[in-house]
Amino acid sequence: MFQRIVDTFFNPVIEVLVAARDRLDYISMVAARGLSLDYFLGPVSMLGPEWRALISSVVASAFLLITVLVARKGYGIYLSLKEGVKWW
């Protein structure tokens, strides 16, 4: 009986974690394929391999920078919430 009570509390949490893990697995498969700029930026593909490499590097750098900024903002929100709960 106690196990069923505990399962009612933890099953939703476990389901969310399993869904997040599955989604991350899918994202890693998509990321492994890479991003073809030829599909999105048609005129850039006519510039030559050096320019394509430069533009790909700029896009990858911008994506990495945005990812880091979003992670830092998320961590800041986490610290704010943690500090708010601390003073309750």
PDB file of N, CA and C in Angstrom:
ATOM      1  N   MET A   1       0.821  -1.185   0.000  1.00  0.00           N
ATOM      2  CA  MET A   1       0.000   0.000   0.000  1.00  0.00           C
ATOM      3  C   MET A   1       0.875   1.263   0.000  1.00  0.00           C
ATOM      4  N   PHE A   2       1.905   1.247   0.828  1.00  0.00           N
ATOM      5  CA  PHE A   2       2.811   2.403   0.886  1.00  0.00           C
ATOM      6  C   PHE A   2       3.507   2.621  -0.452  1.00  0.00           C
ATOM      7  N   GLN A   3       3.833   1.533  -1.152  1.00  0.00           N
ATOM      8  CA  GLN A   3       4.502   1.651  -2.448  1.00  0.00           C
ATOM      9  C   GLN A   3       3.588   2.317  -3.469  1.00  0.00           C
ATOM     10  N   ARG A   4       2.302   2.002  -3.435  1.00  0.00           N
ATOM     11  CA  ARG A   4       1.363   2.640  -4.364  1.00  0.00           C
ATOM     12  C   ARG A   4       1.236   4.135  -4.094  1.00  0.00           C
ATOM     13  N   ILE A   5       1.266   4.507  -2.822  1.00  0.00           N
ATOM     14  CA  ILE A   5       1.186   5.932  -2.472  1.00  0.00           C
ATOM     15  C   ILE A   5       2.415   6.665  -2.979  1.00  0.00           C
ATOM     16  N   VAL A   6       3.583   6.067  -2.774  1.00  0.00           N
ATOM     17  CA  VAL A   6       4.824   6.681  -3.240  1.00  0.00           C
ATOM     18  C   VAL A   6       4.834   6.745  -4.762  1.00  0.00           C
ATOM     19  N   ASP A   7       4.351   5.699  -5.423  1.00  0.00           N
ATOM     20  CA  ASP A   7       4.308   5.684  -6.887  1.00  0.00           C
ATOM     21  C   ASP A   7       3.399   6.778  -7.431  1.00  0.00           C
ATOM     22  N   THR A   8       2.321   7.096  -6.746  1.00  0.00           N
ATOM     23  CA  THR A   8       1.440   8.155  -7.240  1.00  0.00           C
ATOM     24  C   THR A   8       2.132   9.504  -7.211  1.00  0.00           C
ATOM     25  N   PHE A   9       3.069   9.692  -6.284  1.00  0.00           N
ATOM     26  CA  PHE A   9       3.813  10.951  -6.233  1.00  0.00           C
ATOM     27  C   PHE A   9       4.943  10.995  -7.243  1.00  0.00           C
ATOM     28  N   PHE A  10       5.647   9.890  -7.419  1.00  0.00           N
ATOM     29  CA  PHE A  10       6.866   9.911  -8.218  1.00  0.00           C
ATOM     30  C   PHE A  10       6.679   9.482  -9.671  1.00  0.00           C
ATOM     31  N   ASN A  11       5.601   8.828 -10.030  1.00  0.00           N
ATOM     32  CA  ASN A  11       5.393   8.422 -11.421  1.00  0.00           C
ATOM     33  C   ASN A  11       5.329   9.609 -12.382  1.00  0.00           C
ATOM     34  N   PRO A  12       4.609  10.690 -12.066  1.00  0.00           N
ATOM     35  CA  PRO A  12       4.624  11.833 -12.993  1.00  0.00           C
ATOM     36  C   PRO A  12       6.016  12.434 -13.174  1.00  0.00           C
ATOM     37  N   VAL A  13       6.780  12.489 -12.092  1.00  0.00           N
ATOM     38  CA  VAL A  13       8.132  13.038 -12.180  1.00  0.00           C
ATOM     39  C   VAL A  13       9.001  12.136 -13.050  1.00  0.00           C
ATOM     40  N   ILE A  14       8.885  10.843 -12.852  1.00  0.00           N
ATOM     41  CA  ILE A  14       9.669   9.896 -13.647  1.00  0.00           C
ATOM     42  C   ILE A  14       9.275   9.975 -15.113  1.00  0.00           C
ATOM     43  N   GLU A  15       7.978  10.128 -15.400  1.00  0.00           N
ATOM     44  CA  GLU A  15       7.533  10.244 -16.788  1.00  0.00           C
ATOM     45  C   GLU A  15       8.090  11.498 -17.452  1.00  0.00           C
ATOM     46  N   VAL A  16       8.133  12.608 -16.722  1.00  0.00           N
ATOM     47  CA  VAL A  16       8.691  13.847 -17.271  1.00  0.00           C
ATOM     48  C   VAL A  16      10.178  13.671 -17.549  1.00  0.00           C
ATOM     49  N   LEU A  17      10.894  13.043 -16.631  1.00  0.00           N
ATOM     50  CA  LEU A  17      12.328  12.824 -16.831  1.00  0.00           C
ATOM     51  C   LEU A  17      12.606  11.896 -18.005  1.00  0.00           C
ATOM     52  N   VAL A  18      11.809  10.860 -18.163  1.00  0.00           N
ATOM     53  CA  VAL A  18      11.982   9.939 -19.293  1.00  0.00           C
ATOM     54  C   VAL A  18      11.678  10.662 -20.605  1.00  0.00           C
ATOM     55  N   ALA A  19      10.631  11.486 -20.614  1.00  0.00           N
ATOM     56  CA  ALA A  19      10.303  12.252 -21.823  1.00  0.00           C
ATOM     57  C   ALA A  19      11.422  13.234 -22.156  1.00  0.00           C
ATOM     58  N   ALA A  20      12.003  13.876 -21.142  1.00  0.00           N
ATOM     59  CA  ALA A  20      13.116  14.805 -21.382  1.00  0.00           C
ATOM     60  C   ALA A  20      14.325  14.061 -21.918  1.00  0.00           C
ATOM     61  N   ARG A  21      14.613  12.885 -21.376  1.00  0.00           N
ATOM     62  CA  ARG A  21      15.741  12.090 -21.869  1.00  0.00           C
ATOM     63  C   ARG A  21      15.532  11.682 -23.325  1.00  0.00           C
ATOM     64  N   ASP A  22      14.318  11.248 -23.647  1.00  0.00           N
ATOM     65  CA  ASP A  22      14.029  10.861 -25.028  1.00  0.00           C
ATOM     66  C   ASP A  22      14.153  12.052 -25.972  1.00  0.00           C
ATOM     67  N   ARG A  23      13.698  13.209 -25.532  1.00  0.00           N
ATOM     68  CA  ARG A  23      13.792  14.414 -26.369  1.00  0.00           C
ATOM     69  C   ARG A  23      15.254  14.807 -26.584  1.00  0.00           C
ATOM     70  N   LEU A  24      16.076  14.706 -25.550  1.00  0.00           N
ATOM     71  CA  LEU A  24      17.502  15.010 -25.693  1.00  0.00           C
ATOM     72  C   LEU A  24      18.192  14.020 -26.629  1.00  0.00           C
ATOM     73  N   ASP A  25      17.792  12.760 -26.577  1.00  0.00           N
ATOM     74  CA  ASP A  25      18.346  11.787 -27.513  1.00  0.00           C
ATOM     75  C   ASP A  25      17.994  12.163 -28.950  1.00  0.00           C
ATOM     76  N   TYR A  26      16.753  12.599 -29.183  1.00  0.00           N
ATOM     77  CA  TYR A  26      16.328  12.998 -30.522  1.00  0.00           C
ATOM     78  C   TYR A  26      17.100  14.232 -30.982  1.00  0.00           C
ATOM     79  N   ILE A  27      17.280  15.197 -30.069  1.00  0.00           N
ATOM     80  CA  ILE A  27      18.006  16.417 -30.420  1.00  0.00           C
ATOM     81  C   ILE A  27      19.451  16.100 -30.772  1.00  0.00           C
ATOM     82  N   SER A  28      20.073  15.193 -30.041  1.00  0.00           N
ATOM     83  CA  SER A  28      21.463  14.853 -30.339  1.00  0.00           C
ATOM     84  C   SER A  28      21.579  14.174 -31.699  1.00  0.00           C
ATOM     85  N   MET A  29      20.567  13.404 -32.099  1.00  0.00           N
ATOM     86  CA  MET A  29      20.595  12.787 -33.426  1.00  0.00           C
ATOM     87  C   MET A  29      20.475  13.843 -34.512  1.00  0.00           C
ATOM     88  N   VAL A  30      19.623  14.848 -34.287  1.00  0.00           N
ATOM     89  CA  VAL A  30      19.455  15.924 -35.265  1.00  0.00           C
ATOM     90  C   VAL A  30      20.728  16.756 -35.345  1.00  0.00           C
ATOM     91  N   ALA A  31      21.340  17.037 -34.204  1.00  0.00           N
ATOM     92  CA  ALA A  31      22.566  17.835 -34.186  1.00  0.00           C
ATOM     93  C   ALA A  31      23.727  17.100 -34.848  1.00  0.00           C
ATOM     94  N   ALA A  32      23.730  15.789 -34.789  1.00  0.00           N
ATOM     95  CA  ALA A  32      24.821  15.019 -35.394  1.00  0.00           C
ATOM     96  C   ALA A  32      24.802  15.135 -36.915  1.00  0.00           C
ATOM     97  N   ARG A  33      23.635  15.408 -37.487  1.00  0.00           N
ATOM     98  CA  ARG A  33      23.557  15.558 -38.944  1.00  0.00           C
ATOM     99  C   ARG A  33      24.183  16.850 -39.415  1.00  0.00           C
ATOM    100  N   GLY A  34      24.181  17.862 -38.569  1.00  0.00           N
ATOM    101  CA  GLY A  34      24.766  19.143 -38.945  1.00  0.00           C
ATOM    102  C   GLY A  34      23.756  20.057 -39.615  1.00  0.00           C
ATOM    103  N   LEU A  35      24.200  21.262 -39.896  1.00  0.00           N
ATOM    104  CA  LEU A  35      23.349  22.278 -40.500  1.00  0.00           C
ATOM    105  C   LEU A  35      23.903  22.613 -41.873  1.00  0.00           C
ATOM    106  N   SER A  36      23.093  22.425 -42.885  1.00  0.00           N
ATOM    107  CA  SER A  36      23.496  22.752 -44.237  1.00  0.00           C
ATOM    108  C   SER A  36      23.019  24.161 -44.562  1.00  0.00           C
ATOM    109  N   LEU A  37      23.971  25.087 -44.639  1.00  0.00           N
ATOM    110  CA  LEU A  37      23.598  26.460 -44.958  1.00  0.00           C
ATOM    111  C   LEU A  37      23.182  26.626 -46.411  1.00  0.00           C
ATOM    112  N   ASP A  38      23.537  25.682 -47.260  1.00  0.00           N
ATOM    113  CA  ASP A  38      23.138  25.768 -48.663  1.00  0.00           C
ATOM    114  C   ASP A  38      21.619  25.768 -48.803  1.00  0.00           C
ATOM    115  N   TYR A  39      20.947  25.071 -47.913  1.00  0.00           N
ATOM    116  CA  TYR A  39      19.493  25.007 -47.966  1.00  0.00           C
ATOM    117  C   TYR A  39      18.873  26.342 -47.551  1.00  0.00           C
ATOM    118  N   PHE A  40      19.440  26.990 -46.518  1.00  0.00           N
ATOM    119  CA  PHE A  40      18.871  28.224 -45.980  1.00  0.00           C
ATOM    120  C   PHE A  40      19.390  29.474 -46.677  1.00  0.00           C
ATOM    121  N   LEU A  41      20.642  29.444 -47.074  1.00  0.00           N
ATOM    122  CA  LEU A  41      21.261  30.628 -47.666  1.00  0.00           C
ATOM    123  C   LEU A  41      21.757  30.289 -49.071  1.00  0.00           C
ATOM    124  N   GLY A  42      20.863  30.244 -50.015  1.00  0.00           N
ATOM    125  CA  GLY A  42      21.205  29.863 -51.378  1.00  0.00           C
ATOM    126  C   GLY A  42      22.295  30.702 -52.018  1.00  0.00           C
ATOM    127  N   PRO A  43      22.213  32.035 -51.981  1.00  0.00           N
ATOM    128  CA  PRO A  43      23.255  32.850 -52.618  1.00  0.00           C
ATOM    129  C   PRO A  43      24.627  32.678 -51.976  1.00  0.00           C
ATOM    130  N   VAL A  44      24.679  32.329 -50.705  1.00  0.00           N
ATOM    131  CA  VAL A  44      25.958  32.147 -50.031  1.00  0.00           C
ATOM    132  C   VAL A  44      26.698  30.941 -50.601  1.00  0.00           C
ATOM    133  N   SER A  45      25.956  29.954 -51.059  1.00  0.00           N
ATOM    134  CA  SER A  45      26.603  28.753 -51.600  1.00  0.00           C
ATOM    135  C   SER A  45      27.356  29.037 -52.895  1.00  0.00           C
ATOM    136  N   MET A  46      27.055  30.166 -53.536  1.00  0.00           N
ATOM    137  CA  MET A  46      27.758  30.518 -54.773  1.00  0.00           C
ATOM    138  C   MET A  46      29.049  31.277 -54.520  1.00  0.00           C
ATOM    139  N   LEU A  47      29.324  31.661 -53.275  1.00  0.00           N
ATOM    140  CA  LEU A  47      30.488  32.483 -52.976  1.00  0.00           C
ATOM    141  C   LEU A  47      31.799  31.721 -53.015  1.00  0.00           C
ATOM    142  N   GLY A  48      31.781  30.480 -52.707  1.00  0.00           N
ATOM    143  CA  GLY A  48      33.010  29.708 -52.662  1.00  0.00           C
ATOM    144  C   GLY A  48      33.191  29.052 -51.301  1.00  0.00           C
ATOM    145  N   PRO A  49      34.076  28.075 -51.225  1.00  0.00           N
ATOM    146  CA  PRO A  49      34.208  27.306 -49.981  1.00  0.00           C
ATOM    147  C   PRO A  49      34.733  28.128 -48.798  1.00  0.00           C
ATOM    148  N   GLU A  50      35.612  29.101 -49.058  1.00  0.00           N
ATOM    149  CA  GLU A  50      36.147  29.902 -47.956  1.00  0.00           C
ATOM    150  C   GLU A  50      35.060  30.765 -47.318  1.00  0.00           C
ATOM    151  N   TRP A  51      34.252  31.394 -48.164  1.00  0.00           N
ATOM    152  CA  TRP A  51      33.175  32.230 -47.647  1.00  0.00           C
ATOM    153  C   TRP A  51      32.124  31.390 -46.930  1.00  0.00           C
ATOM    154  N   ARG A  52      31.823  30.222 -47.489  1.00  0.00           N
ATOM    155  CA  ARG A  52      30.863  29.340 -46.815  1.00  0.00           C
ATOM    156  C   ARG A  52      31.378  28.917 -45.451  1.00  0.00           C
ATOM    157  N   ALA A  53      32.674  28.616 -45.360  1.00  0.00           N
ATOM    158  CA  ALA A  53      33.261  28.238 -44.066  1.00  0.00           C
ATOM    159  C   ALA A  53      33.195  29.405 -43.086  1.00  0.00           C
ATOM    160  N   LEU A  54      33.461  30.616 -43.574  1.00  0.00           N
ATOM    161  CA  LEU A  54      33.393  31.798 -42.720  1.00  0.00           C
ATOM    162  C   LEU A  54      31.978  32.027 -42.206  1.00  0.00           C
ATOM    163  N   ILE A  55      31.009  31.971 -43.092  1.00  0.00           N
ATOM    164  CA  ILE A  55      29.627  32.212 -42.687  1.00  0.00           C
ATOM    165  C   ILE A  55      29.134  31.094 -41.778  1.00  0.00           C
ATOM    166  N   SER A  56      29.535  29.856 -42.044  1.00  0.00           N
ATOM    167  CA  SER A  56      29.168  28.749 -41.150  1.00  0.00           C
ATOM    168  C   SER A  56      29.761  28.956 -39.765  1.00  0.00           C
ATOM    169  N   SER A  57      30.993  29.426 -39.706  1.00  0.00           N
ATOM    170  CA  SER A  57      31.629  29.690 -38.409  1.00  0.00           C
ATOM    171  C   SER A  57      30.920  30.805 -37.662  1.00  0.00           C
ATOM    172  N   VAL A  58      30.529  31.855 -38.381  1.00  0.00           N
ATOM    173  CA  VAL A  58      29.818  32.964 -37.743  1.00  0.00           C
ATOM    174  C   VAL A  58      28.472  32.498 -37.205  1.00  0.00           C
ATOM    175  N   VAL A  59      27.750  31.710 -37.986  1.00  0.00           N
ATOM    176  CA  VAL A  59      26.450  31.209 -37.536  1.00  0.00           C
ATOM    177  C   VAL A  59      26.626  30.286 -36.330  1.00  0.00           C
ATOM    178  N   ALA A  60      27.612  29.399 -36.367  1.00  0.00           N
ATOM    179  CA  ALA A  60      27.859  28.493 -35.240  1.00  0.00           C
ATOM    180  C   ALA A  60      28.273  29.269 -34.000  1.00  0.00           C
ATOM    181  N   SER A  61      29.096  30.292 -34.172  1.00  0.00           N
ATOM    182  CA  SER A  61      29.516  31.114 -33.031  1.00  0.00           C
ATOM    183  C   SER A  61      28.334  31.871 -32.433  1.00  0.00           C
ATOM    184  N   ALA A  62      27.489  32.407 -33.282  1.00  0.00           N
ATOM    185  CA  ALA A  62      26.312  33.125 -32.792  1.00  0.00           C
ATOM    186  C   ALA A  62      25.385  32.178 -32.036  1.00  0.00           C
ATOM    187  N   PHE A  63      25.211  30.978 -32.561  1.00  0.00           N
ATOM    188  CA  PHE A  63      24.368  29.989 -31.889  1.00  0.00           C
ATOM    189  C   PHE A  63      24.951  29.616 -30.529  1.00  0.00           C
ATOM    190  N   LEU A  64      26.257  29.413 -30.474  1.00  0.00           N
ATOM    191  CA  LEU A  64      26.908  29.081 -29.213  1.00  0.00           C
ATOM    192  C   LEU A  64      26.777  30.234 -28.217  1.00  0.00           C
ATOM    193  N   LEU A  65      26.958  31.460 -28.685  1.00  0.00           N
ATOM    194  CA  LEU A  65      26.835  32.627 -27.815  1.00  0.00           C
ATOM    195  C   LEU A  65      25.420  32.762 -27.270  1.00  0.00           C
ATOM    196  N   ILE A  66      24.440  32.587 -28.119  1.00  0.00           N
ATOM    197  CA  ILE A  66      23.044  32.670 -27.675  1.00  0.00           C
ATOM    198  C   ILE A  66      22.742  31.568 -26.674  1.00  0.00           C
ATOM    199  N   THR A  67      23.252  30.365 -26.915  1.00  0.00           N
ATOM    200  CA  THR A  67      23.033  29.254 -25.986  1.00  0.00           C
ATOM    201  C   THR A  67      23.636  29.557 -24.621  1.00  0.00           C
ATOM    202  N   VAL A  68      24.846  30.097 -24.603  1.00  0.00           N
ATOM    203  CA  VAL A  68      25.496  30.441 -23.332  1.00  0.00           C
ATOM    204  C   VAL A  68      24.726  31.541 -22.621  1.00  0.00           C
ATOM    205  N   LEU A  69      24.268  32.555 -23.346  1.00  0.00           N
ATOM    206  CA  LEU A  69      23.508  33.638 -22.723  1.00  0.00           C
ATOM    207  C   LEU A  69      22.191  33.140 -22.138  1.00  0.00           C
ATOM    208  N   VAL A  70      21.511  32.261 -22.851  1.00  0.00           N
ATOM    209  CA  VAL A  70      20.256  31.705 -22.340  1.00  0.00           C
ATOM    210  C   VAL A  70      20.528  30.867 -21.093  1.00  0.00           C
ATOM    211  N   ALA A  71      21.606  30.088 -21.099  1.00  0.00           N
ATOM    212  CA  ALA A  71      21.951  29.274 -19.930  1.00  0.00           C
ATOM    213  C   ALA A  71      22.279  30.165 -18.730  1.00  0.00           C
ATOM    214  N   ARG A  72      23.013  31.262 -18.959  1.00  0.00           N
ATOM    215  CA  ARG A  72      23.345  32.165 -17.861  1.00  0.00           C
ATOM    216  C   ARG A  72      22.093  32.839 -17.302  1.00  0.00           C
ATOM    217  N   LYS A  73      21.181  33.239 -18.188  1.00  0.00           N
ATOM    218  CA  LYS A  73      19.937  33.856 -17.721  1.00  0.00           C
ATOM    219  C   LYS A  73      19.102  32.841 -16.933  1.00  0.00           C
ATOM    220  N   GLY A  74      19.050  31.607 -17.424  1.00  0.00           N
ATOM    221  CA  GLY A  74      18.327  30.556 -16.703  1.00  0.00           C
ATOM    222  C   GLY A  74      18.924  30.304 -15.332  1.00  0.00           C
ATOM    223  N   TYR A  75      20.245  30.298 -15.247  1.00  0.00           N
ATOM    224  CA  TYR A  75      20.911  30.107 -13.964  1.00  0.00           C
ATOM    225  C   TYR A  75      20.646  31.294 -13.040  1.00  0.00           C
ATOM    226  N   GLY A  76      20.612  32.498 -13.597  1.00  0.00           N
ATOM    227  CA  GLY A  76      20.286  33.676 -12.796  1.00  0.00           C
ATOM    228  C   GLY A  76      18.869  33.609 -12.231  1.00  0.00           C
ATOM    229  N   ILE A  77      17.938  33.136 -13.043  1.00  0.00           N
ATOM    230  CA  ILE A  77      16.565  32.968 -12.569  1.00  0.00           C
ATOM    231  C   ILE A  77      16.516  31.919 -11.469  1.00  0.00           C
ATOM    232  N   TYR A  78      17.271  30.837 -11.649  1.00  0.00           N
ATOM    233  CA  TYR A  78      17.330  29.790 -10.629  1.00  0.00           C
ATOM    234  C   TYR A  78      17.870  30.353  -9.318  1.00  0.00           C
ATOM    235  N   LEU A  79      18.950  31.146  -9.382  1.00  0.00           N
ATOM    236  CA  LEU A  79      19.507  31.738  -8.165  1.00  0.00           C
ATOM    237  C   LEU A  79      18.531  32.712  -7.519  1.00  0.00           C
ATOM    238  N   SER A  80      17.800  33.474  -8.321  1.00  0.00           N
ATOM    239  CA  SER A  80      16.806  34.401  -7.776  1.00  0.00           C
ATOM    240  C   SER A  80      15.689  33.644  -7.057  1.00  0.00           C
ATOM    241  N   LEU A  81      15.225  32.573  -7.675  1.00  0.00           N
ATOM    242  CA  LEU A  81      14.184  31.764  -7.034  1.00  0.00           C
ATOM    243  C   LEU A  81      14.704  31.126  -5.758  1.00  0.00           C
ATOM    244  N   LYS A  82      15.938  30.653  -5.805  1.00  0.00           N
ATOM    245  CA  LYS A  82      16.534  30.038  -4.633  1.00  0.00           C
ATOM    246  C   LYS A  82      16.673  31.051  -3.498  1.00  0.00           C
ATOM    247  N   GLU A  83      17.089  32.252  -3.840  1.00  0.00           N
ATOM    248  CA  GLU A  83      17.219  33.310  -2.835  1.00  0.00           C
ATOM    249  C   GLU A  83      15.848  33.720  -2.298  1.00  0.00           C
ATOM    250  N   GLY A  84      14.841  33.756  -3.163  1.00  0.00           N
ATOM    251  CA  GLY A  84      13.495  34.098  -2.721  1.00  0.00           C
ATOM    252  C   GLY A  84      12.924  33.070  -1.781  1.00  0.00           C
ATOM    253  N   VAL A  85      13.147  31.811  -2.040  1.00  0.00           N
ATOM    254  CA  VAL A  85      12.652  30.754  -1.168  1.00  0.00           C
ATOM    255  C   VAL A  85      13.405  30.768   0.151  1.00  0.00           C
ATOM    256  N   LYS A  86      14.677  31.124   0.098  1.00  0.00           N
ATOM    257  CA  LYS A  86      15.502  31.161   1.302  1.00  0.00           C
ATOM    258  C   LYS A  86      14.951  32.165   2.320  1.00  0.00           C
ATOM    259  N   TRP A  87      14.441  33.294   1.834  1.00  0.00           N
ATOM    260  CA  TRP A  87      13.976  34.337   2.753  1.00  0.00           C
ATOM    261  C   TRP A  87      12.522  34.195   3.151  1.00  0.00           C
ATOM    262  N   TRP A  88      11.850  33.169   2.700  1.00  0.00           N
ATOM    263  CA  TRP A  88      10.445  32.959   3.068  1.00  0.00           C
ATOM    264  C   TRP A  88      10.337  32.545   4.479  1.00  0.00           C
TER     265      TRP A  88
END
